[in-house]
C-alpha atoms as a PDB file:
ATOM      1  CA  GLU A   1     -92.368  -1.036 233.953  1.00  0.00           C
ATOM      2  CA  ASN A   2     -89.560  -4.582 233.944  1.00  0.00           C
ATOM      3  CA  PRO A   3     -87.091  -3.987 236.407  1.00  0.00           C
ATOM      4  CA  ALA A   4     -85.402  -7.144 235.075  1.00  0.00           C
ATOM      5  CA  CYS A   5     -85.658  -5.999 231.492  1.00  0.00           C
ATOM      6  CA  ILE A   6     -86.247  -9.278 230.642  1.00  0.00           C
ATOM      7  CA  LYS A   7     -88.199 -10.222 227.008  1.00  0.00           C
ATOM      8  CA  THR A   8     -88.691 -13.202 225.401  1.00  0.00           C
ATOM      9  CA  PHE A   9     -86.587 -14.401 222.356  1.00  0.00           C
ATOM     10  CA  PHE A  10     -88.955 -13.935 219.965  1.00  0.00           C
ATOM     11  CA  SER A  11     -89.431 -10.256 220.252  1.00  0.00           C
ATOM     12  CA  SER A  12     -85.814  -9.201 221.088  1.00  0.00           C
ATOM     13  CA  SER A  13     -84.005 -11.251 217.993  1.00  0.00           C
ATOM     14  CA  GLY A  14     -85.411  -9.062 215.347  1.00  0.00           C
ATOM     15  CA  LEU A  15     -85.649 -12.334 212.919  1.00  0.00           C
ATOM     16  CA  HIS A  16     -89.324 -13.243 213.762  1.00  0.00           C
ATOM     17  CA  ARG A  17     -92.305 -11.782 216.026  1.00  0.00           C
ATOM     18  CA  GLU A  18     -94.120 -14.316 218.548  1.00  0.00           C
ATOM     19  CA  PRO A  19     -95.982 -17.105 217.219  1.00  0.00           C
ATOM     20  CA  ASP A  20     -99.262 -17.099 217.170  1.00  0.00           C
ATOM     21  CA  ILE A  21     -99.519 -20.450 218.287  1.00  0.00           C
ATOM     22  CA  THR A  22     -97.721 -22.717 220.399  1.00  0.00           C
ATOM     23  CA  THR A  23    -100.140 -25.405 221.263  1.00  0.00           C
ATOM     24  CA  ARG A  24    -103.526 -26.521 218.967  1.00  0.00           C
ATOM     25  CA  THR A  25    -105.608 -28.771 220.479  1.00  0.00           C
ATOM     26  CA  ALA A  26    -109.689 -29.483 218.638  1.00  0.00           C
ATOM     27  CA  THR A  27    -110.778 -26.559 221.394  1.00  0.00           C
ATOM     28  CA  PHE A  28    -107.894 -24.121 221.843  1.00  0.00           C
ATOM     29  CA  SER A  29    -104.807 -22.860 219.952  1.00  0.00           C
ATOM     30  CA  GLY A  30    -102.687 -20.053 221.393  1.00  0.00           C
ATOM     31  CA  CYS A  31     -99.145 -19.012 222.115  1.00  0.00           C
ATOM     32  CA  LEU A  32     -98.319 -20.227 225.557  1.00  0.00           C
ATOM     33  CA  ASP A  33     -94.832 -20.853 225.623  1.00  0.00           C
ATOM     34  CA  TYR A  34     -91.791 -19.115 225.947  1.00  0.00           C
ATOM     35  CA  ILE A  35     -87.847 -18.188 226.370  1.00  0.00           C
ATOM     36  CA  TRP A  36     -87.382 -15.502 228.408  1.00  0.00           C
ATOM     37  CA  ILE A  37     -83.834 -13.809 228.055  1.00  0.00           C
ATOM     38  CA  THR A  38     -82.320 -10.523 229.088  1.00  0.00           C
ATOM     39  CA  PRO A  39     -81.147  -8.597 226.243  1.00  0.00           C
ATOM     40  CA  HIS A  40     -78.677  -6.985 227.229  1.00  0.00           C
ATOM     41  CA  GLU A  41     -76.903  -9.755 228.160  1.00  0.00           C
ATOM     42  CA  LEU A  42     -77.787 -11.984 225.482  1.00  0.00           C
ATOM     43  CA  ASN A  43     -78.073 -11.962 221.571  1.00  0.00           C
ATOM     44  CA  VAL A  44     -80.100 -13.690 219.563  1.00  0.00           C
ATOM     45  CA  LEU A  45     -78.318 -15.655 217.061  1.00  0.00           C
ATOM     46  CA  ASP A  46     -81.471 -17.548 214.938  1.00  0.00           C
ATOM     47  CA  VAL A  47     -84.870 -18.747 216.070  1.00  0.00           C
ATOM     48  CA  ILE A  48     -86.534 -22.204 215.276  1.00  0.00           C
ATOM     49  CA  PRO A  49     -89.737 -21.497 213.186  1.00  0.00           C
ATOM     50  CA  VAL A  50     -92.666 -22.654 214.822  1.00  0.00           C
ATOM     51  CA  GLU A  51     -94.835 -24.424 212.160  1.00  0.00           C
ATOM     52  CA  ASP A  52     -98.570 -25.453 212.752  1.00  0.00           C
ATOM     53  CA  GLN A  53     -98.831 -29.019 212.460  1.00  0.00           C
ATOM     54  CA  GLY A  54    -102.961 -28.829 212.878  1.00  0.00           C
ATOM     55  CA  PRO A  55    -104.492 -30.240 216.435  1.00  0.00           C
ATOM     56  CA  ILE A  56    -101.578 -32.194 218.510  1.00  0.00           C
ATOM     57  CA  PRO A  57    -100.534 -34.671 219.368  1.00  0.00           C
ATOM     58  CA  ASN A  58    -100.735 -36.050 216.634  1.00  0.00           C
ATOM     59  CA  SER A  59     -98.823 -39.130 214.334  1.00  0.00           C
ATOM     60  CA  GLN A  60     -95.835 -36.468 213.631  1.00  0.00           C
ATOM     61  CA  ASN A  61     -95.955 -34.314 216.898  1.00  0.00           C
ATOM     62  CA  ALA A  62     -96.144 -36.255 220.766  1.00  0.00           C
ATOM     63  CA  SER A  63     -96.877 -33.370 222.659  1.00  0.00           C
ATOM     64  CA  ASP A  64     -99.188 -30.851 222.624  1.00  0.00           C
ATOM     65  CA  HIS A  65     -96.723 -28.116 222.191  1.00  0.00           C
ATOM     66  CA  LEU A  66     -94.926 -27.189 219.226  1.00  0.00           C
ATOM     67  CA  PRO A  67     -91.208 -27.317 219.896  1.00  0.00           C
ATOM     68  CA  ILE A  68     -89.334 -23.784 220.204  1.00  0.00           C
ATOM     69  CA  GLY A  69     -86.105 -23.015 220.567  1.00  0.00           C
ATOM     70  CA  ALA A  70     -83.440 -20.282 219.692  1.00  0.00           C
ATOM     71  CA  THR A  71     -79.150 -19.550 218.887  1.00  0.00           C
ATOM     72  CA  LEU A  72     -78.254 -17.242 221.538  1.00  0.00           C
ATOM     73  CA  ALA A  73     -74.645 -15.867 222.277  1.00  0.00           C
ATOM     74  CA  PHE A  74     -73.890 -13.872 225.397  1.00  0.00           C
ATOM     75  CA  LYS A  75     -72.586 -10.211 224.220  1.00  0.00           C
ATOM     76  CA  SER A  76     -68.872  -9.462 225.182  1.00  0.00           C
END
């Protein structure tokens, strides 16, 4: 049980499911990155889609992690 009732913004948004990957190298790919929220306090308005770019870092992405993000709003 989760007493704090936190969820990832992907799973609580209803807009997207968690991405298959947030990092991909020549030897590993998987979802390692999350933003945790308390859904009873925040609404997820939009989620930035995560796009597979092949092995990273590369010429378009200097990091070994893909960017994730969301637009959030406090519930009134």
